Amino acid sequence: MAREYLPKLTIAILALSIALVILSAQSSTVAAAPTPYAHHYHHYYNNYGGYYYYPYYYYSYYGNYCNYYSSYYSSYYYPYYSYSGYPYYCSGYNYYSAPSSYTLTVATDPSNLGTVTGGGTYTPGSSASFSVTQNTVQVSPNTRYVFSHWSGGYSGVGSSGTVTVNGATAITAVYQVQYYLSVQSQPQSAPAPQGQGWYNSGDTASLQNSGQTIGGDGGSRLVFQGWSVDGQGTQSGPSLNLVMNSSHNVTAVYGQQYYLNVQTDQGVASGSGWYDSGSTAQIYVSTPVSTSYGVSIVFNGWQGDLQSSSQSTNVVMDGPKNVVATWRADSTVLYLTIAAVIVAALLIVGGLIAFLAGGRSRTQTPPPQPTTHTTAHKNTSNTSTHDESSTTHRPEHHHKKTENTQESTERASTS
């Protein structure tokens, strides 16, 4: 009877062994299959911030499955299956186990500023906060760094932020370098142009002067001459465009000018106008032509802010100046003419008087009497005596005749 069942039992054991071998091979294949599957989802969700559903399912479910069947089959029915199939399965589980923490790196650009917080290690899925401790970092009087934005594992412009740590993450606080533009005027009394301040590296600063001419009232004004950049010469033009690749010092240069006023009430004066401070101005006034006979207009000198007797002279323009030409009337020619006329008149009058006096003298002189012929005496002395007696008696005779005439006239008038 036993011999009859022995071949059947042997066949059954052989069939069971074959079945176990086949099942063991299939179990090994099935156990190895989840390994790349779990690795794929572990990699995807770990690096792209996904939820840990598939990795958790793999690590928790299949891990427990491995532990359960490993302990069960090693003690009971299938030691080979347990040690040959599931150990391979369990080896995949151990290889792809989840990390216990991740590193969050928070840095600055430039890297030497050291103004951030929040870096460290964090458990998967935890929230990490980070921030900058200084929005502005002054590295020199005219150069600084100003916080601009975050880059890397976080983007934003706020000074702080928060991220969920799903893996190793690097965040960088980016700072912008800035340079200072100093703007002033020369002289200091001139208004400084607008535009002074901080500029990002590479930006263009545009400056405009406050006016080509400033002032003018009271004989004083400022005239724009150009721009001085870092003390290197002067650039002309009312505006200036400056690339801020470093800090700069710009000066708007103005020149001081003063007004010279030249006045005169005679002739024509020249020299009035605006002059640079410290320069020398030449002034001149012409002599007018006199319209009065014998009276000349003579330059009498400069008065006001200049004392000079020269019609052409120089004025140092160290301030507003007012100069007046003075004149006087010169009557020398007139006086000489009058004197000459008087002398000529006196001479004429004297001549007339002399002429008239001479004519009257000739009228009063009696005509010569005829000569009485007498007997000539031989003695010369007798002749001289006769002549003297004759000459002496003539006036007496004439006198008597005149008296007789006057008496006759008186008688006639009496009658």
Protein backbone atom coordinates (compact mmCIF):
# COMPACT_ATOMS: atom_id res chain seq x y z
CA MET A 1 0.00 0.00 0.00
CA ALA A 2 2.84 2.33 1.00
CA ARG A 3 4.67 1.37 -2.11
CA GLU A 4 1.70 2.42 -4.20
CA TYR A 5 1.67 6.00 -2.77
CA LEU A 6 5.46 6.45 -2.78
CA PRO A 7 5.71 7.37 -6.46
CA LYS A 8 2.76 9.72 -6.10
CA LEU A 9 4.30 11.39 -3.02
CA THR A 10 7.61 11.75 -4.77
CA ILE A 11 5.93 13.39 -7.75
CA ALA A 12 3.95 15.67 -5.45
CA ILE A 13 7.11 16.72 -3.57
CA LEU A 14 8.91 17.28 -6.84
CA ALA A 15 6.01 19.34 -8.19
CA LEU A 16 5.89 21.31 -4.96
CA SER A 17 9.61 21.96 -5.14
CA ILE A 18 9.32 23.13 -8.74
CA ALA A 19 6.42 25.33 -7.74
CA LEU A 20 8.43 26.80 -4.87
CA VAL A 21 11.37 27.48 -7.16
CA ILE A 22 9.12 29.22 -9.68
CA LEU A 23 7.35 31.15 -6.93
CA SER A 24 10.68 32.11 -5.42
CA ALA A 25 11.89 33.46 -8.75
CA GLN A 26 8.67 35.44 -9.25
CA SER A 27 8.86 36.76 -5.71
CA SER A 28 12.41 37.92 -6.32
CA THR A 29 11.27 39.72 -9.45
CA VAL A 30 8.29 41.27 -7.67
CA ALA A 31 10.47 42.28 -4.74
CA ALA A 32 13.01 43.99 -7.00
CA ALA A 33 10.37 45.85 -9.01
CA PRO A 34 9.41 48.49 -6.43
CA THR A 35 13.00 49.63 -6.09
CA PRO A 36 13.24 51.89 -9.22
CA TYR A 37 9.60 52.86 -8.76
CA ALA A 38 10.19 54.14 -5.27
CA HIS A 39 13.48 55.77 -6.29
CA HIS A 40 11.77 57.65 -9.12
CA TYR A 41 9.14 59.23 -6.88
CA HIS A 42 11.60 59.82 -4.11
CA HIS A 43 13.81 61.78 -6.50
CA TYR A 44 10.95 63.72 -8.10
CA TYR A 45 9.17 64.82 -4.96
CA ASN A 46 12.30 65.44 -2.97
CA ASN A 47 13.79 67.84 -5.53
CA TYR A 48 10.63 69.54 -6.76
CA GLY A 49 8.85 70.18 -3.49
CA GLY A 50 6.16 67.52 -3.82
CA TYR A 51 4.43 65.76 -0.99
CA TYR A 52 5.88 62.62 0.43
CA TYR A 53 2.95 60.38 -0.39
CA TYR A 54 4.77 57.91 -2.65
CA PRO A 55 8.05 57.86 -0.74
CA TYR A 56 6.12 57.52 2.51
CA TYR A 57 4.01 54.72 1.06
CA TYR A 58 7.11 52.94 -0.11
CA TYR A 59 9.13 53.47 3.04
CA SER A 60 6.33 52.79 5.50
CA TYR A 61 4.21 50.12 3.81
CA TYR A 62 6.90 48.14 2.08
CA GLY A 63 9.24 48.51 4.98
CA ASN A 64 6.68 47.05 7.37
CA TYR A 65 5.89 44.37 4.80
CA CYS A 66 9.52 43.40 4.60
CA ASN A 67 9.93 43.30 8.36
CA TYR A 68 6.77 41.26 8.83
CA TYR A 69 7.45 38.62 6.22
CA SER A 70 11.09 38.40 7.10
CA SER A 71 10.33 37.50 10.68
CA TYR A 72 7.34 35.32 9.85
CA TYR A 73 8.78 33.17 7.11
CA SER A 74 12.11 32.75 8.78
CA SER A 75 10.39 31.06 11.70
CA TYR A 76 7.74 29.10 9.90
CA TYR A 77 7.17 27.70 6.45
CA TYR A 78 9.31 29.49 3.88
CA PRO A 79 12.79 30.15 5.13
CA TYR A 80 14.26 30.11 1.65
CA TYR A 81 11.69 32.47 0.30
CA SER A 82 12.22 34.79 3.21
CA TYR A 83 16.00 34.78 3.00
CA SER A 84 16.30 34.64 -0.76
CA GLY A 85 13.48 36.96 -1.94
CA TYR A 86 12.68 39.45 0.72
CA PRO A 87 16.22 40.23 1.73
CA TYR A 88 16.65 41.68 -1.76
CA TYR A 89 13.44 43.57 -1.29
CA CYS A 90 14.61 44.80 2.07
CA SER A 91 17.97 45.85 0.62
CA GLY A 92 16.11 48.28 -1.74
CA TYR A 93 14.25 49.73 1.20
CA ASN A 94 17.45 50.37 3.13
CA TYR A 95 19.17 51.98 0.10
CA TYR A 96 16.41 54.57 -0.56
CA SER A 97 15.59 55.55 2.98
CA ALA A 98 14.60 59.32 3.41
CA PRO A 99 17.22 61.82 4.79
CA SER A 100 16.59 63.03 8.30
CA SER A 101 17.53 66.74 7.55
CA TYR A 102 18.42 69.18 4.77
CA THR A 103 20.77 72.16 4.63
CA LEU A 104 19.55 75.71 3.91
CA THR A 105 22.39 77.98 2.79
CA VAL A 106 21.83 81.76 2.97
CA ALA A 107 24.63 83.90 1.45
CA THR A 108 25.24 87.41 0.04
CA ASP A 109 26.46 88.75 -3.28
CA PRO A 110 29.15 90.11 -2.87
CA SER A 111 30.02 87.21 -0.61
CA ASN A 112 31.99 89.15 2.00
CA LEU A 113 29.17 91.28 3.36
CA GLY A 114 27.93 88.80 6.00
CA THR A 115 24.58 90.49 6.55
CA VAL A 116 22.12 87.52 6.40
CA THR A 117 20.57 85.07 8.84
CA GLY A 118 18.56 81.86 8.51
CA GLY A 119 21.05 79.31 7.22
CA GLY A 120 21.30 75.86 8.84
CA THR A 121 19.88 72.30 8.81
CA TYR A 122 16.14 71.63 8.79
CA THR A 123 13.97 68.52 8.88
CA PRO A 124 12.20 67.67 5.61
CA GLY A 125 9.02 69.65 5.12
CA SER A 126 9.82 72.22 7.82
CA SER A 127 9.54 76.01 7.33
CA ALA A 128 12.69 78.14 7.46
CA SER A 129 12.87 81.94 7.78
CA PHE A 130 15.75 84.09 6.62
CA SER A 131 16.50 87.82 6.38
CA VAL A 132 19.17 90.49 5.85
CA THR A 133 20.48 92.29 8.91
CA GLN A 134 21.55 95.42 6.97
CA ASN A 135 19.81 96.85 3.95
CA THR A 136 22.70 99.27 3.41
CA VAL A 137 26.37 98.49 3.95
CA GLN A 138 28.69 101.54 3.84
CA VAL A 139 32.16 100.48 2.73
CA SER A 140 33.58 104.00 2.20
CA PRO A 141 32.31 107.60 2.40
CA ASN A 142 31.35 107.53 -1.30
CA THR A 143 30.65 103.81 -1.89
CA ARG A 144 27.98 101.55 -0.43
CA TYR A 145 26.00 98.34 -1.05
CA VAL A 146 22.20 98.40 -0.96
CA PHE A 147 20.03 95.24 -0.76
CA SER A 148 18.31 94.60 -4.10
CA HIS A 149 16.60 91.16 -4.17
CA TRP A 150 16.82 87.42 -3.39
CA SER A 151 17.98 84.80 -5.86
CA GLY A 152 18.40 81.01 -5.90
CA GLY A 153 15.82 78.96 -3.96
CA TYR A 154 13.76 82.08 -3.24
CA SER A 155 12.84 85.17 -5.23
CA GLY A 156 11.62 88.47 -3.86
CA VAL A 157 12.61 92.01 -2.97
CA GLY A 158 11.66 92.06 0.70
CA SER A 159 14.35 92.07 3.33
CA SER A 160 13.10 88.72 4.73
CA GLY A 161 11.35 85.55 3.53
CA THR A 162 10.25 81.99 4.35
CA VAL A 163 10.69 78.69 2.47
CA THR A 164 9.62 75.06 3.03
CA VAL A 165 12.73 72.89 3.22
CA ASN A 166 12.18 69.91 0.93
CA GLY A 167 15.81 69.42 0.14
CA ALA A 168 19.16 71.12 0.14
CA THR A 169 18.46 74.78 -0.73
CA ALA A 170 20.71 77.80 -1.43
CA ILE A 171 19.42 81.39 -1.21
CA THR A 172 21.44 84.54 -2.02
CA ALA A 173 20.81 88.13 -0.96
CA VAL A 174 21.93 90.27 -3.92
CA TYR A 175 23.30 93.73 -3.11
CA GLN A 176 23.65 96.64 -5.53
CA VAL A 177 26.79 98.79 -5.39
CA GLN A 178 26.15 102.54 -5.40
CA TYR A 179 28.41 105.58 -5.82
CA TYR A 180 27.91 109.10 -4.51
CA LEU A 181 27.82 112.16 -6.75
CA SER A 182 28.79 115.41 -5.02
CA VAL A 183 27.61 118.62 -6.74
CA GLN A 184 28.70 122.13 -5.74
CA SER A 185 29.19 125.58 -7.25
CA GLN A 186 32.04 128.07 -7.51
CA PRO A 187 31.88 130.67 -6.08
CA GLN A 188 29.83 129.38 -3.17
CA SER A 189 27.37 132.25 -3.58
CA ALA A 190 26.21 130.70 -6.86
CA PRO A 191 23.28 128.22 -6.67
CA ALA A 192 24.34 124.56 -6.90
CA PRO A 193 22.62 122.46 -9.62
CA GLN A 194 20.22 119.64 -8.69
CA GLY A 195 21.41 116.03 -8.94
CA GLN A 196 23.58 115.35 -5.92
CA GLY A 197 23.11 111.90 -4.33
CA TRP A 198 23.62 108.13 -4.66
CA TYR A 199 23.51 106.34 -8.02
CA ASN A 200 23.65 102.66 -8.96
CA SER A 201 26.84 101.60 -10.64
CA GLY A 202 26.52 102.17 -14.38
CA ASP A 203 23.63 104.65 -14.15
CA THR A 204 23.88 108.06 -15.86
CA ALA A 205 23.57 111.22 -13.79
CA SER A 206 22.15 114.25 -15.66
CA LEU A 207 22.93 117.75 -14.38
CA GLN A 208 21.59 121.13 -15.52
CA ASN A 209 23.02 124.51 -14.54
CA SER A 210 20.85 126.98 -12.66
CA GLY A 211 21.12 129.58 -15.41
CA GLN A 212 23.63 131.04 -17.83
CA THR A 213 23.50 134.40 -16.06
CA ILE A 214 22.52 134.91 -12.43
CA GLY A 215 21.88 138.31 -10.87
CA GLY A 216 22.69 141.65 -12.48
CA ASP A 217 20.96 144.03 -10.09
CA GLY A 218 23.33 146.44 -8.40
CA GLY A 219 26.00 146.04 -11.04
CA SER A 220 27.05 142.50 -10.03
CA ARG A 221 26.27 139.17 -11.73
CA LEU A 222 27.50 135.58 -12.19
CA VAL A 223 28.07 134.06 -15.64
CA PHE A 224 28.24 130.26 -16.12
CA GLN A 225 31.58 129.10 -17.55
CA GLY A 226 31.39 125.27 -17.47
CA TRP A 227 31.66 122.02 -15.45
CA SER A 228 34.65 120.75 -13.54
CA VAL A 229 34.60 116.92 -13.00
CA ASP A 230 36.91 115.69 -10.24
CA GLY A 231 39.00 118.83 -10.72
CA GLN A 232 39.99 117.84 -14.26
CA GLY A 233 39.53 120.95 -16.42
CA THR A 234 36.22 122.49 -17.45
CA GLN A 235 33.56 121.08 -19.77
CA SER A 236 31.36 123.61 -21.54
CA GLY A 237 27.62 123.42 -22.09
CA PRO A 238 24.59 124.10 -19.89
CA SER A 239 24.06 120.35 -19.11
CA LEU A 240 26.26 117.41 -18.15
CA ASN A 241 25.70 113.63 -18.47
CA LEU A 242 28.01 111.57 -16.27
CA VAL A 243 28.24 107.74 -16.12
CA MET A 244 28.49 106.68 -12.47
CA ASN A 245 31.11 103.96 -12.69
CA SER A 246 32.74 105.44 -9.58
CA SER A 247 32.14 108.29 -7.17
CA HIS A 248 32.51 111.78 -8.67
CA ASN A 249 32.78 115.40 -7.58
CA VAL A 250 31.25 117.95 -9.98
CA THR A 251 31.58 121.75 -9.69
CA ALA A 252 29.49 124.25 -11.64
CA VAL A 253 31.95 127.06 -12.35
CA TYR A 254 30.64 130.64 -12.51
CA GLY A 255 32.58 133.86 -13.21
CA GLN A 256 32.02 137.08 -11.24
CA GLN A 257 31.37 140.19 -13.32
CA TYR A 258 30.88 143.87 -12.45
CA TYR A 259 29.27 146.70 -14.42
CA LEU A 260 31.10 149.94 -15.30
CA ASN A 261 28.87 152.95 -15.92
CA VAL A 262 30.57 155.87 -17.72
CA GLN A 263 28.57 159.14 -17.77
CA THR A 264 29.08 162.54 -19.38
CA ASP A 265 26.93 165.55 -20.28
CA GLN A 266 29.35 166.69 -22.96
CA GLY A 267 31.03 164.82 -25.79
CA VAL A 268 30.82 161.04 -26.23
CA ALA A 269 31.97 158.56 -23.54
CA SER A 270 33.07 154.96 -24.15
CA GLY A 271 33.83 152.04 -21.82
CA SER A 272 30.49 151.21 -20.21
CA GLY A 273 29.69 147.49 -19.85
CA TRP A 274 30.25 144.22 -17.91
CA TYR A 275 33.77 143.18 -16.97
CA ASP A 276 35.26 140.13 -15.25
CA SER A 277 36.27 140.67 -11.66
CA GLY A 278 39.86 141.91 -11.43
CA SER A 279 40.08 142.93 -15.09
CA THR A 280 41.03 146.42 -16.33
CA ALA A 281 38.57 148.56 -18.30
CA GLN A 282 39.65 151.46 -20.52
CA ILE A 283 37.44 154.55 -20.61
CA TYR A 284 37.54 157.64 -22.85
CA VAL A 285 35.51 160.77 -23.49
CA SER A 286 35.73 163.06 -26.53
CA THR A 287 35.88 166.88 -26.34
CA PRO A 288 32.71 168.55 -27.66
CA VAL A 289 32.72 171.40 -30.19
CA SER A 290 31.68 174.68 -28.55
CA THR A 291 28.76 176.56 -30.12
CA SER A 292 29.55 179.81 -28.28
CA TYR A 293 32.02 182.23 -29.88
CA GLY A 294 35.13 182.53 -27.83
CA VAL A 295 34.00 179.99 -25.17
CA SER A 296 35.57 176.47 -25.14
CA ILE A 297 34.38 173.31 -23.27
CA VAL A 298 37.38 171.88 -21.45
CA PHE A 299 37.61 168.45 -19.74
CA ASN A 300 37.86 168.99 -16.02
CA GLY A 301 38.50 165.34 -14.87
CA TRP A 302 36.75 162.12 -13.81
CA GLN A 303 34.68 162.00 -10.65
CA GLY A 304 32.84 159.22 -8.79
CA ASP A 305 34.65 155.90 -8.32
CA LEU A 306 37.68 157.22 -10.22
CA GLN A 307 39.70 160.42 -9.78
CA SER A 308 41.71 161.30 -12.87
CA SER A 309 42.46 164.33 -15.03
CA SER A 310 43.13 162.32 -18.20
CA GLN A 311 40.40 161.92 -20.77
CA SER A 312 41.60 158.38 -21.52
CA THR A 313 42.38 156.18 -18.51
CA ASN A 314 41.97 152.70 -16.98
CA VAL A 315 39.64 151.40 -14.28
CA VAL A 316 40.35 148.27 -12.19
CA MET A 317 37.06 146.33 -11.95
CA ASP A 318 37.10 145.04 -8.40
CA GLY A 319 33.47 145.98 -7.93
CA PRO A 320 30.62 147.90 -9.60
CA LYS A 321 31.92 151.31 -10.76
CA ASN A 322 30.27 154.61 -11.69
CA VAL A 323 32.47 157.26 -13.33
CA VAL A 324 31.38 160.78 -14.39
CA ALA A 325 33.24 163.11 -16.77
CA THR A 326 33.18 166.75 -15.62
CA TRP A 327 33.64 169.84 -17.78
CA ARG A 328 34.28 173.59 -17.45
CA ALA A 329 33.83 176.57 -19.76
CA ASP A 330 37.04 178.34 -20.87
CA SER A 331 36.41 182.04 -21.86
CA THR A 332 40.05 183.01 -22.43
CA VAL A 333 39.53 183.57 -26.13
CA LEU A 334 36.45 185.63 -25.44
CA TYR A 335 38.25 187.77 -22.93
CA LEU A 336 41.19 188.28 -25.28
CA THR A 337 38.83 189.19 -28.07
CA ILE A 338 37.00 191.70 -25.88
CA ALA A 339 40.30 193.20 -24.76
CA ALA A 340 41.47 193.48 -28.33
CA VAL A 341 38.23 195.18 -29.33
CA ILE A 342 38.53 197.64 -26.44
CA VAL A 343 42.11 198.48 -27.31
CA ALA A 344 41.19 198.94 -30.94
CA ALA A 345 38.28 201.17 -29.99
CA LEU A 346 40.50 203.28 -27.77
CA LEU A 347 43.00 203.64 -30.52
CA ILE A 348 40.32 204.67 -32.95
CA VAL A 349 38.80 207.17 -30.55
CA GLY A 350 42.22 208.60 -29.73
CA GLY A 351 42.97 208.97 -33.35
CA LEU A 352 39.72 210.77 -34.02
CA ILE A 353 40.29 213.11 -31.09
CA ALA A 354 43.78 213.88 -32.26
CA PHE A 355 42.53 214.43 -35.77
CA LEU A 356 39.79 216.78 -34.62
CA ALA A 357 42.15 218.64 -32.31
CA GLY A 358 44.61 219.17 -35.13
CA GLY A 359 41.90 220.60 -37.39
CA ARG A 360 40.75 223.11 -34.73
CA SER A 361 44.27 224.36 -34.26
CA ARG A 362 44.58 225.09 -37.89
CA THR A 363 41.26 226.99 -37.89
CA GLN A 364 42.23 229.42 -35.01
CA THR A 365 45.65 230.43 -36.42
CA PRO A 366 45.33 234.00 -38.08
CA PRO A 367 46.43 234.42 -41.62
CA PRO A 368 49.83 236.05 -42.14
CA GLN A 369 49.84 239.98 -42.40
CA PRO A 370 51.39 241.76 -45.42
CA THR A 371 54.88 243.11 -44.78
CA THR A 372 55.14 247.02 -44.37
CA HIS A 373 57.89 248.44 -46.41
CA THR A 374 59.90 251.20 -44.53
CA THR A 375 62.78 253.19 -45.33
CA ALA A 376 65.84 251.27 -44.90
CA HIS A 377 68.20 252.60 -42.43
CA LYS A 378 71.69 252.13 -42.76
CA ASN A 379 72.13 251.24 -39.12
CA THR A 380 71.17 247.61 -38.47
CA SER A 381 70.16 248.22 -34.96
CA ASN A 382 67.60 250.71 -35.98
CA THR A 383 66.00 248.22 -38.30
CA SER A 384 65.69 245.63 -35.54
CA THR A 385 64.13 248.18 -33.26
CA HIS A 386 61.58 249.07 -35.85
CA ASP A 387 60.63 245.51 -36.43
CA GLU A 388 60.13 244.81 -32.72
CA SER A 389 57.96 247.85 -32.33
CA SER A 390 55.87 246.82 -35.27
CA THR A 391 55.37 243.30 -33.91
CA THR A 392 54.47 244.58 -30.51
CA HIS A 393 51.77 246.91 -31.62
CA ARG A 394 49.85 244.50 -33.83
CA PRO A 395 48.17 242.58 -31.06
CA GLU A 396 47.06 245.72 -29.34
CA HIS A 397 45.43 246.94 -32.49
CA HIS A 398 43.63 243.63 -32.91
CA HIS A 399 42.46 243.68 -29.31
CA LYS A 400 41.06 247.12 -29.70
CA LYS A 401 39.21 246.11 -32.79
CA THR A 402 37.64 243.17 -30.99
CA GLU A 403 36.48 245.31 -28.11
CA ASN A 404 34.85 247.77 -30.49
CA THR A 405 33.02 244.93 -32.17
CA GLN A 406 31.66 243.59 -28.86
CA GLU A 407 30.50 247.06 -27.79
CA SER A 408 28.67 247.52 -31.06
CA THR A 409 26.92 244.22 -30.59
CA GLU A 410 25.83 245.08 -27.06
CA ARG A 411 24.45 248.37 -28.20
CA ALA A 412 22.52 246.81 -30.95
CA SER A 413 20.95 244.28 -28.63
CA THR A 414 20.08 247.03 -26.17
CA SER A 415 18.35 249.04 -28.80
